[in-house]
Every structure is written in structure tokens, then in C-alpha cells.
C-alpha atoms as a PDB file:
ATOM      1  CA  MET A   1     -12.894 -22.509   9.272  1.00  0.00           C
ATOM      2  CA  ARG A   2     -11.958 -19.967  11.945  1.00  0.00           C
ATOM      3  CA  ASN A   3     -10.842 -22.750  14.265  1.00  0.00           C
ATOM      4  CA  GLY A   4      -7.753 -23.369  12.116  1.00  0.00           C
ATOM      5  CA  ASP A   5      -8.928 -26.373  10.105  1.00  0.00           C
ATOM      6  CA  ARG A   6      -6.050 -26.891   7.665  1.00  0.00           C
ATOM      7  CA  LYS A   7      -8.174 -28.835   5.160  1.00  0.00           C
ATOM      8  CA  GLU A   8     -10.672 -25.982   4.968  1.00  0.00           C
ATOM      9  CA  PHE A   9      -7.870 -23.460   4.540  1.00  0.00           C
ATOM     10  CA  ALA A  10      -6.342 -25.629   1.788  1.00  0.00           C
ATOM     11  CA  ARG A  11      -9.733 -25.570  -0.003  1.00  0.00           C
ATOM     12  CA  LEU A  12      -9.807 -21.793   0.374  1.00  0.00           C
ATOM     13  CA  VAL A  13      -6.335 -21.540  -1.154  1.00  0.00           C
ATOM     14  CA  ASP A  14      -7.337 -23.840  -4.023  1.00  0.00           C
ATOM     15  CA  ALA A  15     -10.518 -21.870  -4.710  1.00  0.00           C
ATOM     16  CA  TYR A  16      -8.974 -18.389  -4.682  1.00  0.00           C
ATOM     17  CA  SER A  17      -5.343 -18.792  -5.777  1.00  0.00           C
ATOM     18  CA  THR A  18      -5.999 -18.363  -9.481  1.00  0.00           C
ATOM     19  CA  PRO A  19      -8.223 -15.264  -9.301  1.00  0.00           C
ATOM     20  CA  ILE A  20      -5.973 -13.590  -6.722  1.00  0.00           C
ATOM     21  CA  TYR A  21      -2.874 -14.340  -8.787  1.00  0.00           C
ATOM     22  CA  ARG A  22      -4.568 -12.934 -11.930  1.00  0.00           C
ATOM     23  CA  LEU A  23      -5.601  -9.811 -10.047  1.00  0.00           C
ATOM     24  CA  ALA A  24      -2.083  -9.269  -8.675  1.00  0.00           C
ATOM     25  CA  LEU A  25      -0.610  -9.854 -12.120  1.00  0.00           C
ATOM     26  CA  LYS A  26      -2.949  -7.262 -13.631  1.00  0.00           C
ATOM     27  CA  ILE A  27      -2.023  -4.743 -10.955  1.00  0.00           C
ATOM     28  CA  LEU A  28       1.720  -5.379 -10.977  1.00  0.00           C
ATOM     29  CA  GLY A  29       2.438  -6.723 -14.454  1.00  0.00           C
ATOM     30  CA  ASN A  30       5.140  -9.042 -13.112  1.00  0.00           C
ATOM     31  CA  PRO A  31       4.603 -12.790 -12.503  1.00  0.00           C
ATOM     32  CA  GLN A  32       7.133 -12.981  -9.642  1.00  0.00           C
ATOM     33  CA  ASP A  33       5.564 -10.022  -7.860  1.00  0.00           C
ATOM     34  CA  ALA A  34       2.119 -11.566  -8.377  1.00  0.00           C
ATOM     35  CA  GLU A  35       3.375 -14.798  -6.783  1.00  0.00           C
ATOM     36  CA  ASP A  36       4.713 -12.799  -3.838  1.00  0.00           C
ATOM     37  CA  VAL A  37       1.368 -11.042  -3.401  1.00  0.00           C
ATOM     38  CA  LEU A  38      -0.469 -14.369  -3.622  1.00  0.00           C
ATOM     39  CA  GLN A  39       1.744 -15.858  -0.935  1.00  0.00           C
ATOM     40  CA  GLU A  40       1.481 -12.808   1.336  1.00  0.00           C
ATOM     41  CA  THR A  41      -2.296 -12.721   0.892  1.00  0.00           C
ATOM     42  CA  PHE A  42      -2.740 -16.245   2.210  1.00  0.00           C
ATOM     43  CA  ILE A  43      -0.170 -15.800   4.982  1.00  0.00           C
ATOM     44  CA  LYS A  44      -2.029 -12.702   6.204  1.00  0.00           C
ATOM     45  CA  ALA A  45      -5.409 -14.378   5.736  1.00  0.00           C
ATOM     46  CA  LEU A  46      -4.323 -17.390   7.785  1.00  0.00           C
ATOM     47  CA  SER A  47      -3.104 -15.233  10.647  1.00  0.00           C
ATOM     48  CA  ALA A  48      -6.143 -12.914  10.540  1.00  0.00           C
ATOM     49  CA  LEU A  49      -8.791 -15.588  10.005  1.00  0.00           C
ATOM     50  CA  PRO A  50      -9.680 -15.865  13.707  1.00  0.00           C
ATOM     51  CA  THR A  51     -10.563 -12.147  13.689  1.00  0.00           C
ATOM     52  CA  PHE A  52     -12.556 -12.238  10.411  1.00  0.00           C
ATOM     53  CA  GLU A  53     -15.928 -10.781  11.382  1.00  0.00           C
ATOM     54  CA  GLY A  54     -17.871 -11.826   8.304  1.00  0.00           C
ATOM     55  CA  ARG A  55     -19.143  -8.325   7.531  1.00  0.00           C
ATOM     56  CA  SER A  56     -18.114  -8.940   3.932  1.00  0.00           C
ATOM     57  CA  SER A  57     -17.828 -12.161   1.974  1.00  0.00           C
ATOM     58  CA  LEU A  58     -14.682 -14.220   2.339  1.00  0.00           C
ATOM     59  CA  SER A  59     -13.788 -13.573  -1.305  1.00  0.00           C
ATOM     60  CA  THR A  60     -14.109  -9.792  -0.867  1.00  0.00           C
ATOM     61  CA  TRP A  61     -11.935  -9.986   2.247  1.00  0.00           C
ATOM     62  CA  LEU A  62      -9.253 -11.970   0.378  1.00  0.00           C
ATOM     63  CA  TYR A  63      -9.364  -9.605  -2.607  1.00  0.00           C
ATOM     64  CA  ARG A  64      -8.970  -6.665  -0.232  1.00  0.00           C
ATOM     65  CA  ILE A  65      -5.867  -8.231   1.327  1.00  0.00           C
ATOM     66  CA  ALA A  66      -4.436  -8.961  -2.136  1.00  0.00           C
ATOM     67  CA  VAL A  67      -5.135  -5.454  -3.463  1.00  0.00           C
ATOM     68  CA  ASN A  68      -3.541  -3.918  -0.353  1.00  0.00           C
ATOM     69  CA  GLU A  69      -0.460  -6.115  -0.736  1.00  0.00           C
ATOM     70  CA  ALA A  70      -0.122  -5.256  -4.424  1.00  0.00           C
ATOM     71  CA  LEU A  71      -0.602  -1.545  -3.806  1.00  0.00           C
ATOM     72  CA  MET A  72       1.972  -1.583  -1.009  1.00  0.00           C
ATOM     73  CA  LEU A  73       4.440  -3.191  -3.393  1.00  0.00           C
ATOM     74  CA  LEU A  74       3.681  -0.553  -6.033  1.00  0.00           C
ATOM     75  CA  ARG A  75       4.024   2.273  -3.525  1.00  0.00           C
ATOM     76  CA  ARG A  76       7.438   1.013  -2.463  1.00  0.00           C
ATOM     77  CA  ARG A  77       8.481   1.238  -6.108  1.00  0.00           C
ATOM     78  CA  LYS A  78       6.774   4.473  -7.058  1.00  0.00           C
ATOM     79  CA  PRO A  79       5.503   6.422  -4.060  1.00  0.00           C
ATOM     80  CA  GLU A  80       3.287   8.714  -6.148  1.00  0.00           C
ATOM     81  CA  THR A  81       0.883   5.856  -6.939  1.00  0.00           C
ATOM     82  CA  LEU A  82      -2.166   6.233  -4.740  1.00  0.00           C
ATOM     83  CA  LEU A  83      -5.642   4.782  -4.876  1.00  0.00           C
ATOM     84  CA  THR A  84      -8.018   7.379  -3.492  1.00  0.00           C
ATOM     85  CA  ASP A  85     -11.651   8.281  -3.802  1.00  0.00           C
ATOM     86  CA  ASN A  86     -10.692  11.366  -5.836  1.00  0.00           C
ATOM     87  CA  ASP A  87     -10.160  10.819  -9.523  1.00  0.00           C
ATOM     88  CA  GLY A  88      -7.718  13.118 -11.245  1.00  0.00           C
ATOM     89  CA  ASP A  89      -8.443  12.091 -14.802  1.00  0.00           C
ATOM     90  CA  GLU A  90     -10.794  14.901 -15.697  1.00  0.00           C
ATOM     91  CA  ASN A  91      -9.757  17.777 -17.916  1.00  0.00           C
ATOM     92  CA  GLU A  92      -9.780  21.402 -16.751  1.00  0.00           C
ATOM     93  CA  SER A  93     -13.494  21.903 -17.366  1.00  0.00           C
ATOM     94  CA  GLY A  94     -14.332  18.898 -15.174  1.00  0.00           C
ATOM     95  CA  GLU A  95     -15.478  16.859 -18.140  1.00  0.00           C
ATOM     96  CA  ASN A  96     -13.976  13.595 -19.289  1.00  0.00           C
ATOM     97  CA  GLU A  97     -12.564  13.730 -22.775  1.00  0.00           C
ATOM     98  CA  VAL A  98     -14.070  11.151 -25.084  1.00  0.00           C
ATOM     99  CA  SER A  99     -12.992  11.022 -28.662  1.00  0.00           C
ATOM    100  CA  PHE A 100     -14.950   9.665 -31.620  1.00  0.00           C
ATOM    101  CA  LEU A 101     -16.083   6.045 -31.213  1.00  0.00           C
ATOM    102  CA  ILE A 102     -16.397   3.597 -34.102  1.00  0.00           C
ATOM    103  CA  ASP A 103     -19.344   1.198 -34.279  1.00  0.00           C
ATOM    104  CA  TRP A 104     -17.947  -2.266 -34.939  1.00  0.00           C
ATOM    105  CA  CYS A 105     -21.263  -4.096 -34.640  1.00  0.00           C
ATOM    106  CA  CYS A 106     -21.072  -5.403 -38.177  1.00  0.00           C
ATOM    107  CA  LEU A 107     -17.770  -7.287 -37.821  1.00  0.00           C
ATOM    108  CA  PRO A 108     -18.061 -11.071 -37.790  1.00  0.00           C
ATOM    109  CA  GLU A 109     -17.853 -12.682 -34.363  1.00  0.00           C
ATOM    110  CA  GLU A 110     -14.711 -14.657 -35.244  1.00  0.00           C
ATOM    111  CA  GLU A 111     -12.884 -11.386 -35.935  1.00  0.00           C
ATOM    112  CA  LEU A 112     -14.040  -9.930 -32.625  1.00  0.00           C
ATOM    113  CA  LEU A 113     -12.878 -13.038 -30.749  1.00  0.00           C
ATOM    114  CA  SER A 114      -9.619 -13.715 -32.596  1.00  0.00           C
ATOM    115  CA  GLU A 115      -6.379 -14.266 -30.688  1.00  0.00           C
ATOM    116  CA  GLU A 116      -5.047 -10.990 -32.073  1.00  0.00           C
ATOM    117  CA  ALA A 117      -8.136  -9.155 -30.785  1.00  0.00           C
ATOM    118  CA  LYS A 118      -7.757 -10.768 -27.359  1.00  0.00           C
ATOM    119  CA  ARG A 119      -4.110  -9.666 -27.182  1.00  0.00           C
ATOM    120  CA  PHE A 120      -5.125  -6.153 -28.196  1.00  0.00           C
ATOM    121  CA  LEU A 121      -7.805  -6.126 -25.489  1.00  0.00           C
ATOM    122  CA  ASP A 122      -5.268  -7.238 -22.870  1.00  0.00           C
ATOM    123  CA  ASN A 123      -2.950  -4.435 -23.999  1.00  0.00           C
ATOM    124  CA  ALA A 124      -5.821  -1.952 -23.913  1.00  0.00           C
ATOM    125  CA  ILE A 125      -6.671  -2.959 -20.341  1.00  0.00           C
ATOM    126  CA  ALA A 126      -3.009  -2.565 -19.381  1.00  0.00           C
ATOM    127  CA  GLN A 127      -3.092   0.996 -20.788  1.00  0.00           C
ATOM    128  CA  LEU A 128      -5.842   2.048 -18.393  1.00  0.00           C
ATOM    129  CA  PRO A 129      -4.766   4.141 -15.417  1.00  0.00           C
ATOM    130  CA  GLU A 130      -4.360   1.946 -12.348  1.00  0.00           C
ATOM    131  CA  ASN A 131      -7.442   3.294 -10.541  1.00  0.00           C
ATOM    132  CA  LEU A 132      -9.648   2.478 -13.549  1.00  0.00           C
ATOM    133  CA  ARG A 133      -7.926  -0.840 -14.350  1.00  0.00           C
ATOM    134  CA  LEU A 134      -8.496  -2.192 -10.830  1.00  0.00           C
ATOM    135  CA  VAL A 135     -12.196  -1.382 -10.847  1.00  0.00           C
ATOM    136  CA  PHE A 136     -12.641  -2.770 -14.367  1.00  0.00           C
ATOM    137  CA  TRP A 137     -10.755  -5.963 -13.532  1.00  0.00           C
ATOM    138  CA  LEU A 138     -12.631  -6.671 -10.294  1.00  0.00           C
ATOM    139  CA  ARG A 139     -16.079  -5.850 -11.671  1.00  0.00           C
ATOM    140  CA  ASP A 140     -16.015  -6.919 -15.315  1.00  0.00           C
ATOM    141  CA  VAL A 141     -13.415  -9.684 -15.329  1.00  0.00           C
ATOM    142  CA  GLU A 142     -13.614 -11.212 -11.846  1.00  0.00           C
ATOM    143  CA  GLY A 143     -17.369 -10.582 -11.626  1.00  0.00           C
ATOM    144  CA  LEU A 144     -17.518  -8.885  -8.235  1.00  0.00           C
ATOM    145  CA  SER A 145     -20.599  -6.793  -7.589  1.00  0.00           C
ATOM    146  CA  ILE A 146     -20.381  -3.001  -7.342  1.00  0.00           C
ATOM    147  CA  LYS A 147     -20.667  -3.334  -3.558  1.00  0.00           C
ATOM    148  CA  GLU A 148     -17.957  -6.007  -3.340  1.00  0.00           C
ATOM    149  CA  THR A 149     -15.664  -3.963  -5.588  1.00  0.00           C
ATOM    150  CA  ALA A 150     -16.218  -0.899  -3.406  1.00  0.00           C
ATOM    151  CA  GLU A 151     -15.474  -2.889  -0.253  1.00  0.00           C
ATOM    152  CA  THR A 152     -12.393  -4.461  -1.806  1.00  0.00           C
ATOM    153  CA  LEU A 153     -10.918  -1.143  -2.884  1.00  0.00           C
ATOM    154  CA  GLY A 154     -12.179   0.928   0.030  1.00  0.00           C
ATOM    155  CA  LEU A 155     -14.175   3.214  -2.255  1.00  0.00           C
ATOM    156  CA  SER A 156     -17.764   4.405  -2.346  1.00  0.00           C
ATOM    157  CA  GLU A 157     -20.153   2.560  -4.648  1.00  0.00           C
ATOM    158  CA  THR A 158     -20.691   5.795  -6.578  1.00  0.00           C
ATOM    159  CA  ASN A 159     -16.966   6.115  -7.152  1.00  0.00           C
ATOM    160  CA  VAL A 160     -16.766   2.509  -8.352  1.00  0.00           C
ATOM    161  CA  LYS A 161     -19.589   3.164 -10.841  1.00  0.00           C
ATOM    162  CA  THR A 162     -17.867   6.335 -12.064  1.00  0.00           C
ATOM    163  CA  ARG A 163     -14.509   4.612 -12.505  1.00  0.00           C
ATOM    164  CA  LEU A 164     -16.134   1.650 -14.199  1.00  0.00           C
ATOM    165  CA  LEU A 165     -17.877   3.925 -16.692  1.00  0.00           C
ATOM    166  CA  ARG A 166     -14.628   5.778 -17.366  1.00  0.00           C
ATOM    167  CA  ALA A 167     -12.724   2.510 -17.805  1.00  0.00           C
ATOM    168  CA  ARG A 168     -15.314   1.143 -20.223  1.00  0.00           C
ATOM    169  CA  LEU A 169     -15.359   4.386 -22.227  1.00  0.00           C
ATOM    170  CA  LYS A 170     -11.556   4.483 -22.382  1.00  0.00           C
ATOM    171  CA  LEU A 171     -11.450   0.844 -23.514  1.00  0.00           C
ATOM    172  CA  ARG A 172     -14.131   1.535 -26.101  1.00  0.00           C
ATOM    173  CA  GLU A 173     -12.054   4.452 -27.377  1.00  0.00           C
ATOM    174  CA  ILE A 174      -8.888   2.338 -27.618  1.00  0.00           C
ATOM    175  CA  LEU A 175     -10.741  -0.569 -29.218  1.00  0.00           C
ATOM    176  CA  SER A 176     -12.510   1.764 -31.671  1.00  0.00           C
ATOM    177  CA  GLU A 177      -9.141   2.581 -33.150  1.00  0.00           C
ATOM    178  CA  TYR A 178      -8.298  -1.118 -33.558  1.00  0.00           C
ATOM    179  CA  TYR A 179     -11.687  -2.257 -34.860  1.00  0.00           C
ATOM    180  CA  GLY A 180     -12.173   0.922 -36.898  1.00  0.00           C
ATOM    181  CA  GLU A 181      -9.423  -0.244 -39.239  1.00  0.00           C
ATOM    182  CA  ARG A 182     -11.190  -3.575 -39.666  1.00  0.00           C
ATOM    183  CA  VAL A 183     -14.556  -1.906 -40.327  1.00  0.00           C
ATOM    184  CA  GLU A 184     -12.891   0.259 -42.973  1.00  0.00           C
ATOM    185  CA  VAL A 185     -11.308  -2.769 -44.684  1.00  0.00           C
ATOM    186  CA  ARG A 186     -14.602  -4.683 -44.562  1.00  0.00           C
ATOM    187  CA  SER A 187     -16.476  -1.680 -46.040  1.00  0.00           C
ATOM    188  CA  GLU A 188     -13.941  -1.466 -48.865  1.00  0.00           C
ATOM    189  CA  GLN A 189     -14.280  -5.194 -49.519  1.00  0.00           C
ATOM    190  CA  ASP A 190     -18.076  -4.982 -49.543  1.00  0.00           C
ATOM    191  CA  ALA A 191     -17.978  -2.015 -51.942  1.00  0.00           C
ATOM    192  CA  ALA A 192     -15.706  -3.836 -54.405  1.00  0.00           C
END
């Protein structure tokens, strides 16, 4: 594909447009901005393809371009937004705060997978700090490996694992509040 084969590039665009658009939308929260990032990603990929060394997979390389484009757009809007290897979401003692978690194992599957629950999950993901949301999205939603996620974001694998754990714990905390109410209602119904 490095020789400029347009059919091959068209297949590449077809294969990766949807996941790159979804990623940009999750980062930026704006469909028009996500479209812009998608377009810029493939423009840059096309021009840089002859220099692609193959040290990472093509998908990781494309995700990296897309993440960089999205982050540049965010930085132009709010310059304080940075994605670094240092996480600043620890409290003063260096520990992460985790509040009480509810066990919602006993809820029926249809309640866990309802449209309302899916919307709540999407909102919960959107509430995550950007550095955690990106790692969670790439690893748990897009299915990239820890290594690919680290390469995409320019982080160490250890940092990706740490952020992923923090993202999952934060989501569990947010979802515990939502599902906790349902567990309470179900317990009351079972007791009656």
C-alpha cells in the first residue's frame, strides 16, 4: 500500500473510518469536530504512508494520528488540557479515593442492558477525566491491547494499566450509584 495504491487506501479508509470517528467523538464530544479529525487523520496518513516504518500496526498508527489531531483541537480550545505520563488525580496522601461500591450482581440481565442503562453508561464514560476516558475507550471499547494503547497515546504500558484501573474503578463508582437504586427497589419488592 505504500506505493500509493488508491484502492488499498480506500479499503483502509473504509475499515477504519467508523472506529476513528467514534474515538474522535468520544474525545471531543462534537460530531463536526470528529468529522474534521477523521478527515485530517486520513489526509495525514495518506501523505505519511510512504514513510510508515511498520514498527507498530497500521491501526495503532492511525489511532495515534487521530488522537494527536483531536488533542491538538482540544488544546487550541483549552490550552490547559494535556495528556502526560503523570496523573494528577490522586489525593494529597497519594491514594486514589474510592467510595463505597454496590454489588449489582443480582439484577436481571435485561435491566443491566436496557437502553436507559446504556445511556447512563455513555454519560458515565463522558464524566471520566480525559486521560482516563481515552485509555478506557481505546482498551475496553475499541479493543486495543495494552501495548497498542500505550503506543497510540505515547504512554508507558504501566501508565496505561494504572489509568485503565482508575477509569474502571471510577465507572464502577458512578454505576454503583445508578444500579444501587435498582438493587434497593428489587430488595424491597422481594421483601414484600
